[in-house]
Structure formats: C-alpha cells, structure tokens
Amino acid sequence: GMSAEREYIRDGKVTKMVLIELTDHR
C-alpha cells in the first residue's frame, strides 16, 4: 500500500542518515 511505501522510504532515509553519521565519525 501507499503507507507501506512511505514507511520504506522513511526507513531508508533513517538508514542513510545513520550510515552518514557512522562514516563521519570514522
């Protein structure tokens, strides 16, 4: 559904942010 797609995109954004933070701390 649409909500599931939006959640997936939001989750991807969060994961991207975490990855950026992890690589930034390195």
PDB file of N, CA and C in Angstrom:
ATOM      1  N   GLY A   1       0.824  -1.210   0.000  1.00  0.00           N
ATOM      2  CA  GLY A   1       0.000   0.000   0.000  1.00  0.00           C
ATOM      3  C   GLY A   1       0.855   1.256   0.000  1.00  0.00           C
ATOM      4  N   MET A   2       0.208   2.375   0.001  1.00  0.00           N
ATOM      5  CA  MET A   2       0.909   3.656  -0.035  1.00  0.00           C
ATOM      6  C   MET A   2       1.651   3.903   1.278  1.00  0.00           C
ATOM      7  N   SER A   3       1.004   3.623   2.404  1.00  0.00           N
ATOM      8  CA  SER A   3       1.642   3.850   3.705  1.00  0.00           C
ATOM      9  C   SER A   3       2.895   2.992   3.839  1.00  0.00           C
ATOM     10  N   ALA A   4       2.831   1.766   3.353  1.00  0.00           N
ATOM     11  CA  ALA A   4       3.987   0.873   3.438  1.00  0.00           C
ATOM     12  C   ALA A   4       5.142   1.439   2.622  1.00  0.00           C
ATOM     13  N   GLU A   5       4.813   1.987   1.445  1.00  0.00           N
ATOM     14  CA  GLU A   5       5.857   2.559   0.593  1.00  0.00           C
ATOM     15  C   GLU A   5       6.486   3.762   1.283  1.00  0.00           C
ATOM     16  N   ARG A   6       5.649   4.581   1.899  1.00  0.00           N
ATOM     17  CA  ARG A   6       6.159   5.767   2.591  1.00  0.00           C
ATOM     18  C   ARG A   6       7.045   5.359   3.761  1.00  0.00           C
ATOM     19  N   GLU A   7       6.625   4.319   4.469  1.00  0.00           N
ATOM     20  CA  GLU A   7       7.426   3.839   5.606  1.00  0.00           C
ATOM     21  C   GLU A   7       8.775   3.330   5.118  1.00  0.00           C
ATOM     22  N   TYR A   8       8.770   2.643   3.986  1.00  0.00           N
ATOM     23  CA  TYR A   8      10.012   2.102   3.423  1.00  0.00           C
ATOM     24  C   TYR A   8      10.973   3.239   3.080  1.00  0.00           C
ATOM     25  N   ILE A   9      10.428   4.294   2.459  1.00  0.00           N
ATOM     26  CA  ILE A   9      11.263   5.448   2.092  1.00  0.00           C
ATOM     27  C   ILE A   9      11.808   6.109   3.352  1.00  0.00           C
ATOM     28  N   ARG A  10      10.941   6.242   4.375  1.00  0.00           N
ATOM     29  CA  ARG A  10      11.364   6.883   5.619  1.00  0.00           C
ATOM     30  C   ARG A  10      12.461   6.050   6.275  1.00  0.00           C
ATOM     31  N   ASP A  11      12.287   4.734   6.263  1.00  0.00           N
ATOM     32  CA  ASP A  11      13.281   3.845   6.864  1.00  0.00           C
ATOM     33  C   ASP A  11      14.606   3.964   6.114  1.00  0.00           C
ATOM     34  N   GLY A  12      14.519   4.080   4.804  1.00  0.00           N
ATOM     35  CA  GLY A  12      15.729   4.224   4.000  1.00  0.00           C
ATOM     36  C   GLY A  12      16.449   5.516   4.330  1.00  0.00           C
ATOM     37  N   LYS A  13      15.665   6.573   4.546  1.00  0.00           N
ATOM     38  CA  LYS A  13      16.271   7.865   4.890  1.00  0.00           C
ATOM     39  C   LYS A  13      16.990   7.764   6.223  1.00  0.00           C
ATOM     40  N   VAL A  14      16.362   7.102   7.191  1.00  0.00           N
ATOM     41  CA  VAL A  14      16.960   6.959   8.520  1.00  0.00           C
ATOM     42  C   VAL A  14      18.248   6.153   8.412  1.00  0.00           C
ATOM     43  N   THR A  15      18.198   5.068   7.651  1.00  0.00           N
ATOM     44  CA  THR A  15      19.381   4.225   7.485  1.00  0.00           C
ATOM     45  C   THR A  15      20.507   5.019   6.841  1.00  0.00           C
ATOM     46  N   LYS A  16      20.152   5.850   5.844  1.00  0.00           N
ATOM     47  CA  LYS A  16      21.155   6.661   5.158  1.00  0.00           C
ATOM     48  C   LYS A  16      21.784   7.643   6.140  1.00  0.00           C
ATOM     49  N   MET A  17      20.956   8.252   6.976  1.00  0.00           N
ATOM     50  CA  MET A  17      21.460   9.212   7.950  1.00  0.00           C
ATOM     51  C   MET A  17      22.418   8.529   8.921  1.00  0.00           C
ATOM     52  N   VAL A  18      22.050   7.338   9.378  1.00  0.00           N
ATOM     53  CA  VAL A  18      22.888   6.601  10.325  1.00  0.00           C
ATOM     54  C   VAL A  18      24.214   6.239   9.663  1.00  0.00           C
ATOM     55  N   LEU A  19      24.140   5.794   8.403  1.00  0.00           N
ATOM     56  CA  LEU A  19      25.363   5.428   7.685  1.00  0.00           C
ATOM     57  C   LEU A  19      26.274   6.635   7.543  1.00  0.00           C
ATOM     58  N   ILE A  20      25.692   7.779   7.212  1.00  0.00           N
ATOM     59  CA  ILE A  20      26.486   9.006   7.055  1.00  0.00           C
ATOM     60  C   ILE A  20      27.143   9.361   8.386  1.00  0.00           C
ATOM     61  N   GLU A  21      26.390   9.226   9.469  1.00  0.00           N
ATOM     62  CA  GLU A  21      26.939   9.559  10.793  1.00  0.00           C
ATOM     63  C   GLU A  21      28.083   8.611  11.147  1.00  0.00           C
ATOM     64  N   LEU A  22      27.894   7.325  10.856  1.00  0.00           N
ATOM     65  CA  LEU A  22      28.924   6.339  11.181  1.00  0.00           C
ATOM     66  C   LEU A  22      30.197   6.617  10.386  1.00  0.00           C
ATOM     67  N   THR A  23      30.041   6.890   9.101  1.00  0.00           N
ATOM     68  CA  THR A  23      31.212   7.154   8.269  1.00  0.00           C
ATOM     69  C   THR A  23      31.843   8.482   8.661  1.00  0.00           C
ATOM     70  N   ASP A  24      31.035   9.413   9.150  1.00  0.00           N
ATOM     71  CA  ASP A  24      31.543  10.724   9.544  1.00  0.00           C
ATOM     72  C   ASP A  24      32.413  10.591  10.796  1.00  0.00           C
ATOM     73  N   HIS A  25      31.989   9.715  11.718  1.00  0.00           N
ATOM     74  CA  HIS A  25      32.748   9.535  12.956  1.00  0.00           C
ATOM     75  C   HIS A  25      34.088   8.855  12.680  1.00  0.00           C
ATOM     76  N   ARG A  26      34.143   8.098  11.587  1.00  0.00           N
ATOM     77  CA  ARG A  26      35.382   7.416  11.224  1.00  0.00           C
ATOM     78  C   ARG A  26      36.364   8.453  10.737  1.00  0.00           C
TER      79      ARG A  26
END
